[in-house]
Amino acid sequence: MKPLKAFIIPFVGLKIGKHLFEYKIEQAFFEHFEYEEFNNVDIDVSVELEKKATLLELHFKVSGWVNVNCDLTNEPYNQTIENAFDLVVNFGDEYNDEHIDILIVPHGTYEINIQQYIYELIVLAVPTKRVHPGVEDGTLNSDILKKLEELSPRLKEDKEKEDIDPRWNTLKKLLTDKKI
């Protein structure tokens, strides 16, 4: 996969201290990764890079919304997301990204590509079970939702009340009246 130039930060020319990079993520970003779970995207990404003498500290913040389909009704809706991540970039003999929040790059490296970190941060911010807000508060009118309610099993308690022979109630009363 070819890296996107906008997400490559050349840190060698930056002064020691904090530097802010801001990005606007849209659907084309996820098309680059061939990720097709989102219908539409509008996300703001803020990356604060703190350059120190021997290492770099990056603090990622993402916020915005992704348009996804509901897992129950398949209706599209905007899911708001927020997420944050801290990354420490250190210098060593060879490239090593075995640790989640520590990246070791070879001495002489002058730039860092952050597109993969942004991609993962956004994808992991979306809940695994996507439920339309209208399903939760009961305002969504959907044929699929009506059919699901129609086909759902009734509660066991309701069924017991309907099917109990009245003679059993007298026997149950004997159990509750029994003193220990």
Protein backbone atom coordinates (compact mmCIF):
# COMPACT_ATOMS: atom_id res chain seq x y z
CA MET A 1 0.00 0.00 0.00
CA LYS A 2 1.35 3.36 -1.03
CA PRO A 3 1.63 5.85 1.86
CA LEU A 4 -0.46 9.01 1.77
CA LYS A 5 1.88 12.01 1.72
CA ALA A 6 -0.34 14.12 3.98
CA PHE A 7 0.25 11.71 6.87
CA ILE A 8 4.04 11.67 6.70
CA ILE A 9 5.55 14.00 9.31
CA PRO A 10 9.16 15.08 8.64
CA PHE A 11 10.33 15.67 12.22
CA VAL A 12 14.02 16.27 11.51
CA GLY A 13 13.52 20.00 10.79
CA LEU A 14 11.24 20.65 13.77
CA LYS A 15 12.48 22.45 16.86
CA ILE A 16 12.41 20.76 20.26
CA GLY A 17 8.96 21.31 21.77
CA LYS A 18 5.31 20.74 20.90
CA HIS A 19 3.93 20.84 17.36
CA LEU A 20 0.28 20.41 16.34
CA PHE A 21 -0.91 18.66 13.17
CA GLU A 22 -4.59 18.58 12.23
CA TYR A 23 -6.30 16.40 9.65
CA LYS A 24 -9.80 16.10 8.21
CA ILE A 25 -10.61 12.44 7.47
CA GLU A 26 -13.20 11.65 4.81
CA GLN A 27 -14.38 8.53 2.95
CA ALA A 28 -11.43 8.59 0.50
CA PHE A 29 -9.05 7.81 3.38
CA PHE A 30 -10.82 4.48 4.03
CA GLU A 31 -11.05 3.71 0.32
CA HIS A 32 -7.24 3.87 0.31
CA PHE A 33 -7.25 1.08 2.94
CA GLU A 34 -10.00 -0.79 1.03
CA TYR A 35 -12.20 -0.64 4.15
CA GLU A 36 -15.87 -0.68 3.19
CA GLU A 37 -17.71 -0.79 6.55
CA PHE A 38 -18.44 2.96 6.56
CA ASN A 39 -20.96 4.65 4.27
CA ASN A 40 -19.58 8.11 4.95
CA VAL A 41 -17.06 9.69 7.32
CA ASP A 42 -16.44 13.10 8.88
CA ILE A 43 -13.67 12.97 11.47
CA ASP A 44 -11.24 15.53 12.84
CA VAL A 45 -7.83 14.24 13.90
CA SER A 46 -5.45 16.20 16.07
CA VAL A 47 -1.86 14.98 16.51
CA GLU A 48 0.35 16.71 19.02
CA LEU A 49 4.00 15.85 18.45
CA GLU A 50 6.39 16.69 21.25
CA LYS A 51 9.95 16.52 20.06
CA LYS A 52 12.55 15.84 22.74
CA ALA A 53 16.30 15.38 22.45
CA THR A 54 16.23 11.57 22.23
CA LEU A 55 12.62 10.67 21.39
CA LEU A 56 9.26 11.80 20.06
CA GLU A 57 5.92 11.68 21.86
CA LEU A 58 2.75 11.72 19.79
CA HIS A 59 -0.72 12.23 21.23
CA PHE A 60 -3.57 11.37 18.83
CA LYS A 61 -7.18 12.57 19.33
CA VAL A 62 -10.02 11.69 16.97
CA SER A 63 -13.59 12.94 17.10
CA GLY A 64 -16.45 13.05 14.65
CA TRP A 65 -18.90 10.59 13.14
CA VAL A 66 -19.01 7.61 10.81
CA ASN A 67 -22.14 6.59 8.94
CA VAL A 68 -22.70 2.85 9.45
CA ASN A 69 -25.59 0.42 9.05
CA CYS A 70 -27.44 -0.77 12.15
CA ASP A 71 -26.81 -4.43 12.98
CA LEU A 72 -30.51 -4.99 13.78
CA THR A 73 -32.36 -3.06 11.07
CA ASN A 74 -29.65 -2.36 8.48
CA GLU A 75 -30.73 1.31 8.54
CA PRO A 76 -27.83 3.76 8.08
CA TYR A 77 -27.11 6.22 10.90
CA ASN A 78 -24.31 8.49 12.11
CA GLN A 79 -22.30 6.95 14.95
CA THR A 80 -20.34 9.54 16.90
CA ILE A 81 -16.83 8.49 17.88
CA GLU A 82 -14.07 9.79 20.10
CA ASN A 83 -10.76 8.15 20.85
CA ALA A 84 -7.23 9.02 21.97
CA PHE A 85 -3.87 7.28 21.77
CA ASP A 86 -0.31 8.02 22.89
CA LEU A 87 2.73 6.81 20.96
CA VAL A 88 6.40 7.08 21.89
CA VAL A 89 8.88 7.00 19.02
CA ASN A 90 12.38 6.02 20.06
CA PHE A 91 15.54 5.51 18.03
CA GLY A 92 17.40 2.21 17.87
CA ASP A 93 19.42 -0.10 15.62
CA GLU A 94 16.45 -1.45 13.63
CA TYR A 95 12.72 -0.89 13.09
CA ASN A 96 10.55 -2.50 15.80
CA ASP A 97 6.80 -2.08 16.30
CA GLU A 98 6.16 -5.09 18.56
CA HIS A 99 4.83 -2.95 21.41
CA ILE A 100 1.47 -1.23 21.13
CA ASP A 101 2.50 2.24 22.21
CA ILE A 102 6.25 2.23 21.49
CA LEU A 103 7.75 2.47 18.02
CA ILE A 104 11.48 2.06 17.51
CA VAL A 105 12.86 3.48 14.27
CA PRO A 106 16.45 3.21 12.99
CA HIS A 107 18.91 6.04 13.70
CA GLY A 108 18.91 8.45 10.77
CA THR A 109 15.15 8.26 10.22
CA TYR A 110 13.87 11.74 9.44
CA GLU A 111 10.12 11.21 9.02
CA ILE A 112 7.28 9.12 10.44
CA ASN A 113 4.14 7.86 8.72
CA ILE A 114 1.07 8.05 11.00
CA GLN A 115 -1.69 6.94 8.59
CA GLN A 116 -1.90 3.39 10.01
CA TYR A 117 -2.26 4.69 13.58
CA ILE A 118 -5.08 7.05 12.56
CA TYR A 119 -6.85 4.28 10.63
CA GLU A 120 -6.71 1.85 13.56
CA LEU A 121 -7.73 4.52 16.07
CA ILE A 122 -10.89 5.33 14.10
CA VAL A 123 -11.86 1.73 13.34
CA LEU A 124 -11.40 0.70 16.98
CA ALA A 125 -13.50 3.65 18.20
CA VAL A 126 -16.63 2.29 16.48
CA PRO A 127 -18.64 -0.02 18.77
CA THR A 128 -18.71 -3.70 17.83
CA LYS A 129 -22.51 -3.80 18.07
CA ARG A 130 -24.00 -0.96 16.08
CA VAL A 131 -27.54 -0.10 17.13
CA HIS A 132 -29.49 2.77 15.58
CA PRO A 133 -30.44 5.35 18.25
CA GLY A 134 -34.06 5.11 17.07
CA VAL A 135 -34.11 1.42 18.04
CA GLU A 136 -32.97 2.20 21.57
CA ASP A 137 -35.50 4.96 22.22
CA GLY A 138 -38.30 3.40 20.15
CA THR A 139 -38.68 6.20 17.60
CA LEU A 140 -37.49 4.26 14.53
CA ASN A 141 -40.27 2.93 12.30
CA SER A 142 -38.81 0.08 10.29
CA ASP A 143 -40.39 -2.94 8.63
CA ILE A 144 -37.49 -5.09 9.77
CA LEU A 145 -37.94 -3.97 13.38
CA LYS A 146 -41.67 -4.78 13.29
CA LYS A 147 -40.95 -8.23 11.86
CA LEU A 148 -38.29 -8.88 14.52
CA GLU A 149 -40.76 -7.97 17.27
CA GLU A 150 -43.42 -10.16 15.70
CA LEU A 151 -41.08 -13.17 15.48
CA SER A 152 -39.38 -12.71 18.85
CA PRO A 153 -40.23 -15.31 21.49
CA ARG A 154 -42.58 -14.15 24.22
CA LEU A 155 -41.28 -13.91 27.73
CA LYS A 156 -41.38 -17.13 29.69
CA GLU A 157 -43.37 -15.53 32.54
CA ASP A 158 -46.16 -14.37 30.20
CA LYS A 159 -46.42 -17.81 28.66
CA GLU A 160 -46.59 -19.50 32.09
CA LYS A 161 -49.45 -17.25 33.19
CA GLU A 162 -51.46 -18.19 30.13
CA ASP A 163 -50.80 -21.95 30.19
CA ILE A 164 -51.12 -22.76 33.92
CA ASP A 165 -53.98 -25.00 34.94
CA PRO A 166 -55.82 -23.31 37.86
CA ARG A 167 -55.53 -26.49 39.94
CA TRP A 168 -51.75 -26.01 40.09
CA ASN A 169 -52.18 -22.62 41.76
CA THR A 170 -53.75 -24.32 44.78
CA LEU A 171 -50.80 -26.70 45.02
CA LYS A 172 -48.30 -23.84 44.73
CA LYS A 173 -50.09 -22.08 47.58
CA LEU A 174 -49.35 -25.08 49.79
CA LEU A 175 -45.63 -24.61 49.17
CA THR A 176 -45.68 -20.90 50.03
CA ASP A 177 -47.79 -21.41 53.19
CA LYS A 178 -45.47 -24.12 54.51
CA LYS A 179 -43.43 -22.94 57.50
CA ILE A 180 -39.93 -24.19 58.18
